Amino acid sequence: MSQRTKKVGSTGRFGARYGVSVRRRLGAVEKKQRQKYECPQCSKMSVKRISTGIFKCSSCGYEFASGAYYPTQED
């Protein structure tokens, strides 16, 4: 791909379609779901999303279900 994704990130695949506000909202969600989170068991920043609502710690192997796009806080 060209320079398109440097500024718009993962939403560059949509080009000029769907409107800028929709693409920005989607970009924010995708950026948040792809980052690493803290493991509730070993407290390391190594939890990644495997599938919708399923997360796994690459350090200790702990697998758990939570929010669809990113882990939610459990009280």
PDB file of N, CA and C in Angstrom:
ATOM      1  N   MET A   1       0.827  -1.187   0.000  1.00  0.00           N
ATOM      2  CA  MET A   1       0.000   0.000   0.000  1.00  0.00           C
ATOM      3  C   MET A   1       0.872   1.251   0.000  1.00  0.00           C
ATOM      4  N   SER A   2       0.264   2.337  -0.353  1.00  0.00           N
ATOM      5  CA  SER A   2       0.996   3.598  -0.416  1.00  0.00           C
ATOM      6  C   SER A   2       0.982   4.306   0.939  1.00  0.00           C
ATOM      7  N   GLN A   3       1.222   5.601   0.932  1.00  0.00           N
ATOM      8  CA  GLN A   3       1.288   6.392   2.163  1.00  0.00           C
ATOM      9  C   GLN A   3      -0.073   6.569   2.839  1.00  0.00           C
ATOM     10  N   ARG A   4      -1.121   6.081   2.253  1.00  0.00           N
ATOM     11  CA  ARG A   4      -2.467   6.301   2.747  1.00  0.00           C
ATOM     12  C   ARG A   4      -2.644   5.904   4.211  1.00  0.00           C
ATOM     13  N   THR A   5      -2.046   4.807   4.645  1.00  0.00           N
ATOM     14  CA  THR A   5      -2.295   4.308   5.993  1.00  0.00           C
ATOM     15  C   THR A   5      -1.478   5.022   7.069  1.00  0.00           C
ATOM     16  N   LYS A   6      -0.525   5.862   6.691  1.00  0.00           N
ATOM     17  CA  LYS A   6       0.273   6.548   7.697  1.00  0.00           C
ATOM     18  C   LYS A   6      -0.577   7.524   8.508  1.00  0.00           C
ATOM     19  N   LYS A   7      -1.487   8.195   7.864  1.00  0.00           N
ATOM     20  CA  LYS A   7      -2.315   9.186   8.533  1.00  0.00           C
ATOM     21  C   LYS A   7      -3.625   8.596   9.074  1.00  0.00           C
ATOM     22  N   VAL A   8      -4.268   7.727   8.315  1.00  0.00           N
ATOM     23  CA  VAL A   8      -5.599   7.237   8.689  1.00  0.00           C
ATOM     24  C   VAL A   8      -5.582   5.878   9.365  1.00  0.00           C
ATOM     25  N   GLY A   9      -4.442   5.221   9.391  1.00  0.00           N
ATOM     26  CA  GLY A   9      -4.329   3.940  10.076  1.00  0.00           C
ATOM     27  C   GLY A   9      -5.043   2.815   9.350  1.00  0.00           C
ATOM     28  N   SER A  10      -5.688   1.942  10.107  1.00  0.00           N
ATOM     29  CA  SER A  10      -6.316   0.761   9.530  1.00  0.00           C
ATOM     30  C   SER A  10      -7.542   1.081   8.694  1.00  0.00           C
ATOM     31  N   THR A  11      -8.085   2.286   8.815  1.00  0.00           N
ATOM     32  CA  THR A  11      -9.280   2.638   8.039  1.00  0.00           C
ATOM     33  C   THR A  11      -8.935   3.087   6.625  1.00  0.00           C
ATOM     34  N   GLY A  12      -7.669   3.098   6.271  1.00  0.00           N
ATOM     35  CA  GLY A  12      -7.266   3.445   4.921  1.00  0.00           C
ATOM     36  C   GLY A  12      -7.805   2.481   3.887  1.00  0.00           C
ATOM     37  N   ARG A  13      -8.161   1.283   4.318  1.00  0.00           N
ATOM     38  CA  ARG A  13      -8.691   0.290   3.388  1.00  0.00           C
ATOM     39  C   ARG A  13     -10.049   0.677   2.836  1.00  0.00           C
ATOM     40  N   PHE A  14     -10.737   1.639   3.480  1.00  0.00           N
ATOM     41  CA  PHE A  14     -12.055   2.057   3.012  1.00  0.00           C
ATOM     42  C   PHE A  14     -12.010   3.192   1.997  1.00  0.00           C
ATOM     43  N   GLY A  15     -10.851   3.832   1.852  1.00  0.00           N
ATOM     44  CA  GLY A  15     -10.734   4.927   0.902  1.00  0.00           C
ATOM     45  C   GLY A  15     -11.631   6.096   1.286  1.00  0.00           C
ATOM     46  N   ALA A  16     -12.385   6.611   0.333  1.00  0.00           N
ATOM     47  CA  ALA A  16     -13.262   7.753   0.585  1.00  0.00           C
ATOM     48  C   ALA A  16     -14.685   7.333   0.933  1.00  0.00           C
ATOM     49  N   ARG A  17     -14.901   6.069   1.150  1.00  0.00           N
ATOM     50  CA  ARG A  17     -16.256   5.566   1.403  1.00  0.00           C
ATOM     51  C   ARG A  17     -16.666   5.702   2.875  1.00  0.00           C
ATOM     52  N   TYR A  18     -17.955   5.721   3.118  1.00  0.00           N
ATOM     53  CA  TYR A  18     -18.620   5.629   4.426  1.00  0.00           C
ATOM     54  C   TYR A  18     -18.587   6.893   5.279  1.00  0.00           C
ATOM     55  N   GLY A  19     -17.906   7.923   4.906  1.00  0.00           N
ATOM     56  CA  GLY A  19     -17.906   9.162   5.685  1.00  0.00           C
ATOM     57  C   GLY A  19     -16.791   9.201   6.714  1.00  0.00           C
ATOM     58  N   VAL A  20     -16.280  10.402   6.952  1.00  0.00           N
ATOM     59  CA  VAL A  20     -15.111  10.550   7.816  1.00  0.00           C
ATOM     60  C   VAL A  20     -15.423  10.242   9.279  1.00  0.00           C
ATOM     61  N   SER A  21     -16.606  10.593   9.768  1.00  0.00           N
ATOM     62  CA  SER A  21     -16.902  10.352  11.185  1.00  0.00           C
ATOM     63  C   SER A  21     -17.021   8.860  11.483  1.00  0.00           C
ATOM     64  N   VAL A  22     -17.599   8.108  10.563  1.00  0.00           N
ATOM     65  CA  VAL A  22     -17.718   6.657  10.749  1.00  0.00           C
ATOM     66  C   VAL A  22     -16.333   6.013  10.731  1.00  0.00           C
ATOM     67  N   ARG A  23     -15.481   6.440   9.797  1.00  0.00           N
ATOM     68  CA  ARG A  23     -14.132   5.881   9.714  1.00  0.00           C
ATOM     69  C   ARG A  23     -13.302   6.219  10.942  1.00  0.00           C
ATOM     70  N   ARG A  24     -13.456   7.425  11.473  1.00  0.00           N
ATOM     71  CA  ARG A  24     -12.712   7.801  12.684  1.00  0.00           C
ATOM     72  C   ARG A  24     -13.149   6.972  13.884  1.00  0.00           C
ATOM     73  N   ARG A  25     -14.459   6.760  14.011  1.00  0.00           N
ATOM     74  CA  ARG A  25     -14.976   5.958  15.119  1.00  0.00           C
ATOM     75  C   ARG A  25     -14.461   4.523  15.033  1.00  0.00           C
ATOM     76  N   LEU A  26     -14.508   3.956  13.835  1.00  0.00           N
ATOM     77  CA  LEU A  26     -14.014   2.597  13.632  1.00  0.00           C
ATOM     78  C   LEU A  26     -12.516   2.515  13.903  1.00  0.00           C
ATOM     79  N   GLY A  27     -11.775   3.525  13.478  1.00  0.00           N
ATOM     80  CA  GLY A  27     -10.330   3.550  13.708  1.00  0.00           C
ATOM     81  C   GLY A  27      -9.987   3.558  15.181  1.00  0.00           C
ATOM     82  N   ALA A  28     -10.763   4.299  15.971  1.00  0.00           N
ATOM     83  CA  ALA A  28     -10.521   4.353  17.415  1.00  0.00           C
ATOM     84  C   ALA A  28     -10.763   2.991  18.064  1.00  0.00           C
ATOM     85  N   VAL A  29     -11.831   2.311  17.644  1.00  0.00           N
ATOM     86  CA  VAL A  29     -12.149   0.987  18.199  1.00  0.00           C
ATOM     87  C   VAL A  29     -11.082  -0.022  17.797  1.00  0.00           C
ATOM     88  N   GLU A  30     -10.668   0.002  16.529  1.00  0.00           N
ATOM     89  CA  GLU A  30      -9.663  -0.962  16.073  1.00  0.00           C
ATOM     90  C   GLU A  30      -8.310  -0.732  16.740  1.00  0.00           C
ATOM     91  N   LYS A  31      -7.957   0.513  16.957  1.00  0.00           N
ATOM     92  CA  LYS A  31      -6.694   0.810  17.632  1.00  0.00           C
ATOM     93  C   LYS A  31      -6.725   0.303  19.070  1.00  0.00           C
ATOM     94  N   LYS A  32      -7.864   0.466  19.738  1.00  0.00           N
ATOM     95  CA  LYS A  32      -8.003   0.035  21.124  1.00  0.00           C
ATOM     96  C   LYS A  32      -8.018  -1.497  21.243  1.00  0.00           C
ATOM     97  N   GLN A  33      -8.622  -2.170  20.275  1.00  0.00           N
ATOM     98  CA  GLN A  33      -8.711  -3.630  20.375  1.00  0.00           C
ATOM     99  C   GLN A  33      -7.395  -4.313  20.048  1.00  0.00           C
ATOM    100  N   ARG A  34      -6.492  -3.659  19.316  1.00  0.00           N
ATOM    101  CA  ARG A  34      -5.233  -4.292  18.926  1.00  0.00           C
ATOM    102  C   ARG A  34      -4.096  -4.045  19.907  1.00  0.00           C
ATOM    103  N   GLN A  35      -4.313  -3.204  20.902  1.00  0.00           N
ATOM    104  CA  GLN A  35      -3.237  -2.949  21.853  1.00  0.00           C
ATOM    105  C   GLN A  35      -3.186  -4.040  22.918  1.00  0.00           C
ATOM    106  N   LYS A  36      -2.106  -4.062  23.681  1.00  0.00           N
ATOM    107  CA  LYS A  36      -1.948  -5.052  24.739  1.00  0.00           C
ATOM    108  C   LYS A  36      -2.528  -4.522  26.040  1.00  0.00           C
ATOM    109  N   TYR A  37      -3.071  -5.437  26.838  1.00  0.00           N
ATOM    110  CA  TYR A  37      -3.694  -5.088  28.111  1.00  0.00           C
ATOM    111  C   TYR A  37      -3.048  -5.861  29.249  1.00  0.00           C
ATOM    112  N   GLU A  38      -3.345  -5.458  30.459  1.00  0.00           N
ATOM    113  CA  GLU A  38      -2.771  -6.092  31.641  1.00  0.00           C
ATOM    114  C   GLU A  38      -3.500  -7.389  31.954  1.00  0.00           C
ATOM    115  N   CYS A  39      -2.735  -8.425  32.246  1.00  0.00           N
ATOM    116  CA  CYS A  39      -3.295  -9.731  32.586  1.00  0.00           C
ATOM    117  C   CYS A  39      -3.870  -9.686  34.002  1.00  0.00           C
ATOM    118  N   PRO A  40      -5.106 -10.154  34.202  1.00  0.00           N
ATOM    119  CA  PRO A  40      -5.685 -10.158  35.545  1.00  0.00           C
ATOM    120  C   PRO A  40      -5.044 -11.186  36.479  1.00  0.00           C
ATOM    121  N   GLN A  41      -4.299 -12.131  35.916  1.00  0.00           N
ATOM    122  CA  GLN A  41      -3.696 -13.164  36.754  1.00  0.00           C
ATOM    123  C   GLN A  41      -2.236 -12.850  37.098  1.00  0.00           C
ATOM    124  N   CYS A  42      -1.419 -12.495  36.085  1.00  0.00           N
ATOM    125  CA  CYS A  42       0.007 -12.273  36.348  1.00  0.00           C
ATOM    126  C   CYS A  42       0.395 -10.793  36.324  1.00  0.00           C
ATOM    127  N   SER A  43      -0.520  -9.905  36.014  1.00  0.00           N
ATOM    128  CA  SER A  43      -0.344  -8.445  36.009  1.00  0.00           C
ATOM    129  C   SER A  43       0.690  -7.933  35.000  1.00  0.00           C
ATOM    130  N   LYS A  44       1.000  -8.703  33.973  1.00  0.00           N
ATOM    131  CA  LYS A  44       1.900  -8.248  32.918  1.00  0.00           C
ATOM    132  C   LYS A  44       1.074  -7.675  31.762  1.00  0.00           C
ATOM    133  N   MET A  45       1.673  -6.754  31.023  1.00  0.00           N
ATOM    134  CA  MET A  45       1.004  -6.156  29.869  1.00  0.00           C
ATOM    135  C   MET A  45       1.187  -7.069  28.656  1.00  0.00           C
ATOM    136  N   SER A  46       0.499  -8.195  28.645  1.00  0.00           N
ATOM    137  CA  SER A  46       0.707  -9.161  27.570  1.00  0.00           C
ATOM    138  C   SER A  46      -0.578  -9.848  27.128  1.00  0.00           C
ATOM    139  N   VAL A  47      -1.726  -9.234  27.375  1.00  0.00           N
ATOM    140  CA  VAL A  47      -2.998  -9.815  26.966  1.00  0.00           C
ATOM    141  C   VAL A  47      -3.378  -9.275  25.596  1.00  0.00           C
ATOM    142  N   LYS A  48      -3.683 -10.175  24.675  1.00  0.00           N
ATOM    143  CA  LYS A  48      -4.107  -9.790  23.338  1.00  0.00           C
ATOM    144  C   LYS A  48      -5.436 -10.442  23.018  1.00  0.00           C
ATOM    145  N   ARG A  49      -6.180  -9.832  22.127  1.00  0.00           N
ATOM    146  CA  ARG A  49      -7.476 -10.352  21.693  1.00  0.00           C
ATOM    147  C   ARG A  49      -7.249 -11.469  20.686  1.00  0.00           C
ATOM    148  N   ILE A  50      -7.877 -12.617  20.924  1.00  0.00           N
ATOM    149  CA  ILE A  50      -7.783 -13.755  20.014  1.00  0.00           C
ATOM    150  C   ILE A  50      -8.951 -13.735  19.042  1.00  0.00           C
ATOM    151  N   SER A  51     -10.139 -13.571  19.593  1.00  0.00           N
ATOM    152  CA  SER A  51     -11.362 -13.579  18.819  1.00  0.00           C
ATOM    153  C   SER A  51     -12.343 -12.649  19.518  1.00  0.00           C
ATOM    154  N   THR A  52     -13.560 -12.561  19.019  1.00  0.00           N
ATOM    155  CA  THR A  52     -14.556 -11.691  19.617  1.00  0.00           C
ATOM    156  C   THR A  52     -14.816 -12.100  21.060  1.00  0.00           C
ATOM    157  N   GLY A  53     -14.417 -11.267  22.009  1.00  0.00           N
ATOM    158  CA  GLY A  53     -14.672 -11.514  23.421  1.00  0.00           C
ATOM    159  C   GLY A  53     -13.731 -12.494  24.085  1.00  0.00           C
ATOM    160  N   ILE A  54     -12.712 -12.991  23.388  1.00  0.00           N
ATOM    161  CA  ILE A  54     -11.775 -13.952  23.967  1.00  0.00           C
ATOM    162  C   ILE A  54     -10.382 -13.337  23.965  1.00  0.00           C
ATOM    163  N   PHE A  55      -9.741 -13.356  25.134  1.00  0.00           N
ATOM    164  CA  PHE A  55      -8.424 -12.750  25.308  1.00  0.00           C
ATOM    165  C   PHE A  55      -7.475 -13.773  25.919  1.00  0.00           C
ATOM    166  N   LYS A  56      -6.173 -13.655  25.569  1.00  0.00           N
ATOM    167  CA  LYS A  56      -5.191 -14.597  26.074  1.00  0.00           C
ATOM    168  C   LYS A  56      -3.911 -13.864  26.435  1.00  0.00           C
ATOM    169  N   CYS A  57      -3.347 -14.242  27.581  1.00  0.00           N
ATOM    170  CA  CYS A  57      -2.071 -13.697  28.029  1.00  0.00           C
ATOM    171  C   CYS A  57      -0.956 -14.519  27.398  1.00  0.00           C
ATOM    172  N   SER A  58      -0.050 -13.842  26.704  1.00  0.00           N
ATOM    173  CA  SER A  58       1.043 -14.563  26.056  1.00  0.00           C
ATOM    174  C   SER A  58       2.134 -14.955  27.044  1.00  0.00           C
ATOM    175  N   SER A  59       2.096 -14.390  28.242  1.00  0.00           N
ATOM    176  CA  SER A  59       3.102 -14.696  29.249  1.00  0.00           C
ATOM    177  C   SER A  59       2.752 -15.953  30.041  1.00  0.00           C
ATOM    178  N   CYS A  60       1.561 -15.955  30.652  1.00  0.00           N
ATOM    179  CA  CYS A  60       1.187 -17.081  31.521  1.00  0.00           C
ATOM    180  C   CYS A  60       0.195 -18.041  30.867  1.00  0.00           C
ATOM    181  N   GLY A  61      -0.359 -17.663  29.709  1.00  0.00           N
ATOM    182  CA  GLY A  61      -1.290 -18.549  29.013  1.00  0.00           C
ATOM    183  C   GLY A  61      -2.721 -18.467  29.501  1.00  0.00           C
ATOM    184  N   TYR A  62      -2.998 -17.540  30.404  1.00  0.00           N
ATOM    185  CA  TYR A  62      -4.349 -17.388  30.956  1.00  0.00           C
ATOM    186  C   TYR A  62      -5.298 -16.904  29.862  1.00  0.00           C
ATOM    187  N   GLU A  63      -6.400 -17.611  29.684  1.00  0.00           N
ATOM    188  CA  GLU A  63      -7.379 -17.271  28.661  1.00  0.00           C
ATOM    189  C   GLU A  63      -8.705 -16.949  29.347  1.00  0.00           C
ATOM    190  N   PHE A  64      -9.334 -15.856  28.923  1.00  0.00           N
ATOM    191  CA  PHE A  64     -10.582 -15.453  29.572  1.00  0.00           C
ATOM    192  C   PHE A  64     -11.483 -14.734  28.582  1.00  0.00           C
ATOM    193  N   ALA A  65     -12.755 -14.630  28.951  1.00  0.00           N
ATOM    194  CA  ALA A  65     -13.743 -13.930  28.138  1.00  0.00           C
ATOM    195  C   ALA A  65     -14.042 -12.584  28.781  1.00  0.00           C
ATOM    196  N   SER A  66     -14.270 -11.594  27.942  1.00  0.00           N
ATOM    197  CA  SER A  66     -14.567 -10.253  28.434  1.00  0.00           C
ATOM    198  C   SER A  66     -15.354  -9.508  27.370  1.00  0.00           C
ATOM    199  N   GLY A  67     -15.140  -8.210  27.249  1.00  0.00           N
ATOM    200  CA  GLY A  67     -15.852  -7.418  26.256  1.00  0.00           C
ATOM    201  C   GLY A  67     -15.530  -7.858  24.838  1.00  0.00           C
ATOM    202  N   ALA A  68     -16.357  -7.467  23.884  1.00  0.00           N
ATOM    203  CA  ALA A  68     -16.186  -7.910  22.498  1.00  0.00           C
ATOM    204  C   ALA A  68     -14.902  -7.383  21.880  1.00  0.00           C
ATOM    205  N   TYR A  69     -14.538  -6.128  22.146  1.00  0.00           N
ATOM    206  CA  TYR A  69     -13.398  -5.512  21.484  1.00  0.00           C
ATOM    207  C   TYR A  69     -12.194  -5.293  22.395  1.00  0.00           C
ATOM    208  N   TYR A  70     -12.432  -5.092  23.677  1.00  0.00           N
ATOM    209  CA  TYR A  70     -11.344  -4.915  24.634  1.00  0.00           C
ATOM    210  C   TYR A  70     -11.813  -5.398  26.005  1.00  0.00           C
ATOM    211  N   PRO A  71     -10.871  -5.842  26.858  1.00  0.00           N
ATOM    212  CA  PRO A  71     -11.259  -6.377  28.167  1.00  0.00           C
ATOM    213  C   PRO A  71     -11.900  -5.303  29.051  1.00  0.00           C
ATOM    214  N   THR A  72     -12.965  -5.663  29.702  1.00  0.00           N
ATOM    215  CA  THR A  72     -13.626  -4.746  30.620  1.00  0.00           C
ATOM    216  C   THR A  72     -13.180  -5.031  32.040  1.00  0.00           C
ATOM    217  N   GLN A  73     -13.299  -4.042  32.910  1.00  0.00           N
ATOM    218  CA  GLN A  73     -12.885  -4.205  34.293  1.00  0.00           C
ATOM    219  C   GLN A  73     -13.883  -5.088  35.038  1.00  0.00           C
ATOM    220  N   GLU A  74     -13.372  -6.052  35.758  1.00  0.00           N
ATOM    221  CA  GLU A  74     -14.205  -6.934  36.575  1.00  0.00           C
ATOM    222  C   GLU A  74     -14.118  -6.492  38.019  1.00  0.00           C
ATOM    223  N   ASP A  75     -15.222  -6.202  38.635  1.00  0.00           N
ATOM    224  CA  ASP A  75     -15.233  -5.753  40.034  1.00  0.00           C
ATOM    225  C   ASP A  75     -15.485  -6.883  40.983  1.00  0.00           C
TER     226      ASP A  75
END
